[in-house]
Amino acid sequence: MKGLPAKGIKHVQVMSPGFAADCLETLEEISGENCEIFLHAGGEKFEYIPALNADAEHIEMMVQLVNARR
């Protein structure tokens, strides 16, 4: 994150596909700390894309998958 603005990258969108759900550690480190590092280095826009658990449709899809296996 720190070196991206120097390379002309001023806008980033960050996601953590390895996580099915955001936890406080994920939010603090990936969203909070990385945002601060990026913006202080000259970045202009940092967007964190939340994990799938942030959307009720994801939960419904998981319920359907579980019920389909029964």
PDB file of N, CA and C in Angstrom:
ATOM      1  N   MET A   1       0.812  -1.186   0.000  1.00  0.00           N
ATOM      2  CA  MET A   1       0.000   0.000   0.000  1.00  0.00           C
ATOM      3  C   MET A   1       0.860   1.257   0.000  1.00  0.00           C
ATOM      4  N   LYS A   2       1.938   1.202   0.719  1.00  0.00           N
ATOM      5  CA  LYS A   2       2.777   2.390   0.855  1.00  0.00           C
ATOM      6  C   LYS A   2       3.414   2.804  -0.471  1.00  0.00           C
ATOM      7  N   GLY A   3       3.794   1.860  -1.311  1.00  0.00           N
ATOM      8  CA  GLY A   3       4.482   2.173  -2.555  1.00  0.00           C
ATOM      9  C   GLY A   3       3.570   2.450  -3.743  1.00  0.00           C
ATOM     10  N   LEU A   4       2.297   2.165  -3.615  1.00  0.00           N
ATOM     11  CA  LEU A   4       1.396   2.315  -4.754  1.00  0.00           C
ATOM     12  C   LEU A   4       1.227   3.757  -5.239  1.00  0.00           C
ATOM     13  N   PRO A   5       1.013   4.737  -4.361  1.00  0.00           N
ATOM     14  CA  PRO A   5       0.853   6.106  -4.849  1.00  0.00           C
ATOM     15  C   PRO A   5       2.066   6.617  -5.637  1.00  0.00           C
ATOM     16  N   ALA A   6       3.258   6.213  -5.258  1.00  0.00           N
ATOM     17  CA  ALA A   6       4.471   6.627  -5.974  1.00  0.00           C
ATOM     18  C   ALA A   6       4.508   6.053  -7.391  1.00  0.00           C
ATOM     19  N   LYS A   7       3.758   4.975  -7.613  1.00  0.00           N
ATOM     20  CA  LYS A   7       3.670   4.359  -8.935  1.00  0.00           C
ATOM     21  C   LYS A   7       2.483   4.900  -9.732  1.00  0.00           C
ATOM     22  N   GLY A   8       1.813   5.924  -9.186  1.00  0.00           N
ATOM     23  CA  GLY A   8       0.690   6.532  -9.877  1.00  0.00           C
ATOM     24  C   GLY A   8      -0.659   5.919  -9.559  1.00  0.00           C
ATOM     25  N   ILE A   9      -0.674   4.971  -8.642  1.00  0.00           N
ATOM     26  CA  ILE A   9      -1.937   4.328  -8.263  1.00  0.00           C
ATOM     27  C   ILE A   9      -2.523   5.115  -7.103  1.00  0.00           C
ATOM     28  N   LYS A  10      -3.581   5.851  -7.386  1.00  0.00           N
ATOM     29  CA  LYS A  10      -4.161   6.742  -6.386  1.00  0.00           C
ATOM     30  C   LYS A  10      -5.492   6.246  -5.839  1.00  0.00           C
ATOM     31  N   HIS A  11      -6.048   5.210  -6.454  1.00  0.00           N
ATOM     32  CA  HIS A  11      -7.337   4.674  -6.034  1.00  0.00           C
ATOM     33  C   HIS A  11      -7.229   3.149  -5.978  1.00  0.00           C
ATOM     34  N   VAL A  12      -7.534   2.572  -4.822  1.00  0.00           N
ATOM     35  CA  VAL A  12      -7.511   1.118  -4.691  1.00  0.00           C
ATOM     36  C   VAL A  12      -8.822   0.611  -4.119  1.00  0.00           C
ATOM     37  N   GLN A  13      -9.159  -0.579  -4.505  1.00  0.00           N
ATOM     38  CA  GLN A  13     -10.271  -1.316  -3.929  1.00  0.00           C
ATOM     39  C   GLN A  13      -9.681  -2.604  -3.383  1.00  0.00           C
ATOM     40  N   VAL A  14      -9.917  -2.853  -2.117  1.00  0.00           N
ATOM     41  CA  VAL A  14      -9.298  -3.980  -1.432  1.00  0.00           C
ATOM     42  C   VAL A  14     -10.369  -4.949  -0.957  1.00  0.00           C
ATOM     43  N   MET A  15     -10.110  -6.223  -1.181  1.00  0.00           N
ATOM     44  CA  MET A  15     -10.987  -7.267  -0.657  1.00  0.00           C
ATOM     45  C   MET A  15     -10.140  -8.424  -0.162  1.00  0.00           C
ATOM     46  N   SER A  16     -10.727  -9.252   0.663  1.00  0.00           N
ATOM     47  CA  SER A  16     -10.023 -10.414   1.220  1.00  0.00           C
ATOM     48  C   SER A  16     -10.783 -11.679   0.856  1.00  0.00           C
ATOM     49  N   PRO A  17     -10.548 -12.210  -0.333  1.00  0.00           N
ATOM     50  CA  PRO A  17     -11.334 -13.369  -0.768  1.00  0.00           C
ATOM     51  C   PRO A  17     -11.115 -14.622   0.064  1.00  0.00           C
ATOM     52  N   GLY A  18     -10.075 -14.648   0.861  1.00  0.00           N
ATOM     53  CA  GLY A  18      -9.828 -15.808   1.717  1.00  0.00           C
ATOM     54  C   GLY A  18     -10.726 -15.852   2.935  1.00  0.00           C
ATOM     55  N   PHE A  19     -11.465 -14.773   3.178  1.00  0.00           N
ATOM     56  CA  PHE A  19     -12.341 -14.708   4.338  1.00  0.00           C
ATOM     57  C   PHE A  19     -13.795 -14.736   3.883  1.00  0.00           C
ATOM     58  N   ALA A  20     -14.588 -15.650   4.458  1.00  0.00           N
ATOM     59  CA  ALA A  20     -16.021 -15.669   4.158  1.00  0.00           C
ATOM     60  C   ALA A  20     -16.762 -14.669   5.033  1.00  0.00           C
ATOM     61  N   ALA A  21     -16.106 -14.253   6.124  1.00  0.00           N
ATOM     62  CA  ALA A  21     -16.717 -13.290   7.044  1.00  0.00           C
ATOM     63  C   ALA A  21     -15.643 -12.351   7.565  1.00  0.00           C
ATOM     64  N   ASP A  22     -16.011 -11.094   7.686  1.00  0.00           N
ATOM     65  CA  ASP A  22     -15.087 -10.126   8.272  1.00  0.00           C
ATOM     66  C   ASP A  22     -15.078 -10.297   9.783  1.00  0.00           C
ATOM     67  N   CYS A  23     -13.915 -10.172  10.368  1.00  0.00           N
ATOM     68  CA  CYS A  23     -13.808 -10.158  11.818  1.00  0.00           C
ATOM     69  C   CYS A  23     -13.139  -8.836  12.201  1.00  0.00           C
ATOM     70  N   LEU A  24     -13.085  -8.539  13.472  1.00  0.00           N
ATOM     71  CA  LEU A  24     -12.497  -7.270  13.899  1.00  0.00           C
ATOM     72  C   LEU A  24     -11.043  -7.137  13.458  1.00  0.00           C
ATOM     73  N   GLU A  25     -10.298  -8.234  13.516  1.00  0.00           N
ATOM     74  CA  GLU A  25      -8.902  -8.192  13.093  1.00  0.00           C
ATOM     75  C   GLU A  25      -8.792  -7.856  11.609  1.00  0.00           C
ATOM     76  N   THR A  26      -9.640  -8.466  10.800  1.00  0.00           N
ATOM     77  CA  THR A  26      -9.646  -8.190   9.359  1.00  0.00           C
ATOM     78  C   THR A  26      -9.957  -6.727   9.112  1.00  0.00           C
ATOM     79  N   LEU A  27     -10.990  -6.245   9.742  1.00  0.00           N
ATOM     80  CA  LEU A  27     -11.394  -4.856   9.542  1.00  0.00           C
ATOM     81  C   LEU A  27     -10.318  -3.883  10.022  1.00  0.00           C
ATOM     82  N   GLU A  28      -9.726  -4.156  11.164  1.00  0.00           N
ATOM     83  CA  GLU A  28      -8.708  -3.254  11.713  1.00  0.00           C
ATOM     84  C   GLU A  28      -7.448  -3.236  10.844  1.00  0.00           C
ATOM     85  N   GLU A  29      -6.941  -4.404  10.502  1.00  0.00           N
ATOM     86  CA  GLU A  29      -5.682  -4.472   9.763  1.00  0.00           C
ATOM     87  C   GLU A  29      -5.842  -4.148   8.275  1.00  0.00           C
ATOM     88  N   ILE A  30      -6.779  -4.782   7.634  1.00  0.00           N
ATOM     89  CA  ILE A  30      -6.897  -4.631   6.185  1.00  0.00           C
ATOM     90  C   ILE A  30      -7.591  -3.328   5.821  1.00  0.00           C
ATOM     91  N   SER A  31      -8.698  -3.057   6.462  1.00  0.00           N
ATOM     92  CA  SER A  31      -9.444  -1.845   6.128  1.00  0.00           C
ATOM     93  C   SER A  31      -8.851  -0.611   6.800  1.00  0.00           C
ATOM     94  N   GLY A  32      -8.603  -0.680   8.083  1.00  0.00           N
ATOM     95  CA  GLY A  32      -8.134   0.480   8.836  1.00  0.00           C
ATOM     96  C   GLY A  32      -6.676   0.844   8.605  1.00  0.00           C
ATOM     97  N   GLU A  33      -5.782  -0.069   8.941  1.00  0.00           N
ATOM     98  CA  GLU A  33      -4.346   0.221   8.849  1.00  0.00           C
ATOM     99  C   GLU A  33      -3.893   0.435   7.408  1.00  0.00           C
ATOM    100  N   ASN A  34      -4.336  -0.416   6.507  1.00  0.00           N
ATOM    101  CA  ASN A  34      -3.924  -0.265   5.109  1.00  0.00           C
ATOM    102  C   ASN A  34      -4.460   1.024   4.502  1.00  0.00           C
ATOM    103  N   CYS A  35      -5.660   1.415   4.874  1.00  0.00           N
ATOM    104  CA  CYS A  35      -6.223   2.672   4.393  1.00  0.00           C
ATOM    105  C   CYS A  35      -5.345   3.839   4.841  1.00  0.00           C
ATOM    106  N   GLU A  36      -5.004   3.855   6.110  1.00  0.00           N
ATOM    107  CA  GLU A  36      -4.169   4.922   6.659  1.00  0.00           C
ATOM    108  C   GLU A  36      -2.805   4.972   5.966  1.00  0.00           C
ATOM    109  N   ILE A  37      -2.176   3.831   5.781  1.00  0.00           N
ATOM    110  CA  ILE A  37      -0.873   3.768   5.113  1.00  0.00           C
ATOM    111  C   ILE A  37      -0.980   4.309   3.690  1.00  0.00           C
ATOM    112  N   PHE A  38      -1.978   3.858   2.959  1.00  0.00           N
ATOM    113  CA  PHE A  38      -2.166   4.265   1.569  1.00  0.00           C
ATOM    114  C   PHE A  38      -2.412   5.764   1.450  1.00  0.00           C
ATOM    115  N   LEU A  39      -3.323   6.289   2.260  1.00  0.00           N
ATOM    116  CA  LEU A  39      -3.645   7.714   2.180  1.00  0.00           C
ATOM    117  C   LEU A  39      -2.485   8.597   2.609  1.00  0.00           C
ATOM    118  N   HIS A  40      -1.756   8.199   3.642  1.00  0.00           N
ATOM    119  CA  HIS A  40      -0.594   8.980   4.086  1.00  0.00           C
ATOM    120  C   HIS A  40       0.538   8.970   3.059  1.00  0.00           C
ATOM    121  N   ALA A  41       0.568   7.947   2.225  1.00  0.00           N
ATOM    122  CA  ALA A  41       1.604   7.855   1.187  1.00  0.00           C
ATOM    123  C   ALA A  41       1.229   8.624  -0.075  1.00  0.00           C
ATOM    124  N   GLY A  42       0.038   9.232  -0.071  1.00  0.00           N
ATOM    125  CA  GLY A  42      -0.374  10.018  -1.234  1.00  0.00           C
ATOM    126  C   GLY A  42      -1.542   9.455  -2.004  1.00  0.00           C
ATOM    127  N   GLY A  43      -2.088   8.336  -1.549  1.00  0.00           N
ATOM    128  CA  GLY A  43      -3.268   7.779  -2.190  1.00  0.00           C
ATOM    129  C   GLY A  43      -4.454   8.713  -1.986  1.00  0.00           C
ATOM    130  N   GLU A  44      -5.399   8.654  -2.879  1.00  0.00           N
ATOM    131  CA  GLU A  44      -6.547   9.555  -2.812  1.00  0.00           C
ATOM    132  C   GLU A  44      -7.845   8.865  -2.410  1.00  0.00           C
ATOM    133  N   LYS A  45      -7.998   7.607  -2.787  1.00  0.00           N
ATOM    134  CA  LYS A  45      -9.250   6.913  -2.476  1.00  0.00           C
ATOM    135  C   LYS A  45      -8.974   5.452  -2.161  1.00  0.00           C
ATOM    136  N   PHE A  46      -9.428   5.018  -1.005  1.00  0.00           N
ATOM    137  CA  PHE A  46      -9.272   3.639  -0.549  1.00  0.00           C
ATOM    138  C   PHE A  46     -10.665   3.095  -0.271  1.00  0.00           C
ATOM    139  N   GLU A  47     -11.007   1.986  -0.907  1.00  0.00           N
ATOM    140  CA  GLU A  47     -12.307   1.369  -0.681  1.00  0.00           C
ATOM    141  C   GLU A  47     -12.112  -0.070  -0.234  1.00  0.00           C
ATOM    142  N   TYR A  48     -12.715  -0.408   0.875  1.00  0.00           N
ATOM    143  CA  TYR A  48     -12.681  -1.786   1.351  1.00  0.00           C
ATOM    144  C   TYR A  48     -13.972  -2.465   0.921  1.00  0.00           C
ATOM    145  N   ILE A  49     -13.870  -3.579   0.232  1.00  0.00           N
ATOM    146  CA  ILE A  49     -15.029  -4.346  -0.208  1.00  0.00           C
ATOM    147  C   ILE A  49     -15.277  -5.406   0.866  1.00  0.00           C
ATOM    148  N   PRO A  50     -16.405  -5.321   1.563  1.00  0.00           N
ATOM    149  CA  PRO A  50     -16.651  -6.237   2.672  1.00  0.00           C
ATOM    150  C   PRO A  50     -16.812  -7.686   2.233  1.00  0.00           C
ATOM    151  N   ALA A  51     -16.582  -8.577   3.184  1.00  0.00           N
ATOM    152  CA  ALA A  51     -16.757 -10.002   2.932  1.00  0.00           C
ATOM    153  C   ALA A  51     -18.226 -10.298   2.673  1.00  0.00           C
ATOM    154  N   LEU A  52     -18.475 -11.477   2.183  1.00  0.00           N
ATOM    155  CA  LEU A  52     -19.827 -11.862   1.787  1.00  0.00           C
ATOM    156  C   LEU A  52     -20.839 -11.826   2.924  1.00  0.00           C
ATOM    157  N   ASN A  53     -20.383 -11.972   4.166  1.00  0.00           N
ATOM    158  CA  ASN A  53     -21.329 -11.976   5.279  1.00  0.00           C
ATOM    159  C   ASN A  53     -22.018 -10.630   5.479  1.00  0.00           C
ATOM    160  N   ALA A  54     -21.567  -9.602   4.798  1.00  0.00           N
ATOM    161  CA  ALA A  54     -22.170  -8.280   4.929  1.00  0.00           C
ATOM    162  C   ALA A  54     -23.480  -8.175   4.160  1.00  0.00           C
ATOM    163  N   ASP A  55     -23.817  -9.191   3.392  1.00  0.00           N
ATOM    164  CA  ASP A  55     -24.998  -9.149   2.540  1.00  0.00           C
ATOM    165  C   ASP A  55     -25.957 -10.288   2.905  1.00  0.00           C
ATOM    166  N   ALA A  56     -27.194  -9.942   3.168  1.00  0.00           N
ATOM    167  CA  ALA A  56     -28.198 -10.948   3.547  1.00  0.00           C
ATOM    168  C   ALA A  56     -28.380 -12.006   2.454  1.00  0.00           C
ATOM    169  N   GLU A  57     -28.188 -11.635   1.196  1.00  0.00           N
ATOM    170  CA  GLU A  57     -28.330 -12.602   0.105  1.00  0.00           C
ATOM    171  C   GLU A  57     -27.282 -13.704   0.198  1.00  0.00           C
ATOM    172  N   HIS A  58     -26.105 -13.370   0.694  1.00  0.00           N
ATOM    173  CA  HIS A  58     -25.073 -14.390   0.873  1.00  0.00           C
ATOM    174  C   HIS A  58     -25.503 -15.406   1.918  1.00  0.00           C
ATOM    175  N   ILE A  59     -26.061 -14.931   3.010  1.00  0.00           N
ATOM    176  CA  ILE A  59     -26.518 -15.831   4.062  1.00  0.00           C
ATOM    177  C   ILE A  59     -27.622 -16.740   3.523  1.00  0.00           C
ATOM    178  N   GLU A  60     -28.542 -16.177   2.755  1.00  0.00           N
ATOM    179  CA  GLU A  60     -29.623 -16.969   2.166  1.00  0.00           C
ATOM    180  C   GLU A  60     -29.059 -18.029   1.212  1.00  0.00           C
ATOM    181  N   MET A  61     -28.058 -17.675   0.437  1.00  0.00           N
ATOM    182  CA  MET A  61     -27.429 -18.634  -0.470  1.00  0.00           C
ATOM    183  C   MET A  61     -26.795 -19.785   0.325  1.00  0.00           C
ATOM    184  N   MET A  62     -26.159 -19.466   1.443  1.00  0.00           N
ATOM    185  CA  MET A  62     -25.548 -20.507   2.269  1.00  0.00           C
ATOM    186  C   MET A  62     -26.627 -21.443   2.834  1.00  0.00           C
ATOM    187  N   VAL A  63     -27.760 -20.874   3.263  1.00  0.00           N
ATOM    188  CA  VAL A  63     -28.869 -21.677   3.773  1.00  0.00           C
ATOM    189  C   VAL A  63     -29.364 -22.619   2.679  1.00  0.00           C
ATOM    190  N   GLN A  64     -29.509 -22.123   1.466  1.00  0.00           N
ATOM    191  CA  GLN A  64     -29.971 -22.941   0.360  1.00  0.00           C
ATOM    192  C   GLN A  64     -28.985 -24.070   0.055  1.00  0.00           C
ATOM    193  N   LEU A  65     -27.696 -23.781   0.120  1.00  0.00           N
ATOM    194  CA  LEU A  65     -26.693 -24.834  -0.109  1.00  0.00           C
ATOM    195  C   LEU A  65     -26.770 -25.920   0.943  1.00  0.00           C
ATOM    196  N   VAL A  66     -26.903 -25.516   2.186  1.00  0.00           N
ATOM    197  CA  VAL A  66     -26.994 -26.498   3.270  1.00  0.00           C
ATOM    198  C   VAL A  66     -28.251 -27.335   3.111  1.00  0.00           C
ATOM    199  N   ASN A  67     -29.371 -26.679   2.845  1.00  0.00           N
ATOM    200  CA  ASN A  67     -30.629 -27.425   2.702  1.00  0.00           C
ATOM    201  C   ASN A  67     -30.630 -28.330   1.467  1.00  0.00           C
ATOM    202  N   ALA A  68     -29.925 -27.962   0.421  1.00  0.00           N
ATOM    203  CA  ALA A  68     -29.871 -28.774  -0.792  1.00  0.00           C
ATOM    204  C   ALA A  68     -29.095 -30.072  -0.564  1.00  0.00           C
ATOM    205  N   ARG A  69     -28.217 -30.096   0.401  1.00  0.00           N
ATOM    206  CA  ARG A  69     -27.403 -31.281   0.684  1.00  0.00           C
ATOM    207  C   ARG A  69     -28.134 -32.276   1.576  1.00  0.00           C
ATOM    208  N   ARG A  70     -29.271 -31.897   2.101  1.00  0.00           N
ATOM    209  CA  ARG A  70     -29.999 -32.804   3.023  1.00  0.00           C
ATOM    210  C   ARG A  70     -30.751 -33.856   2.292  1.00  0.00           C
TER     211      ARG A  70
END
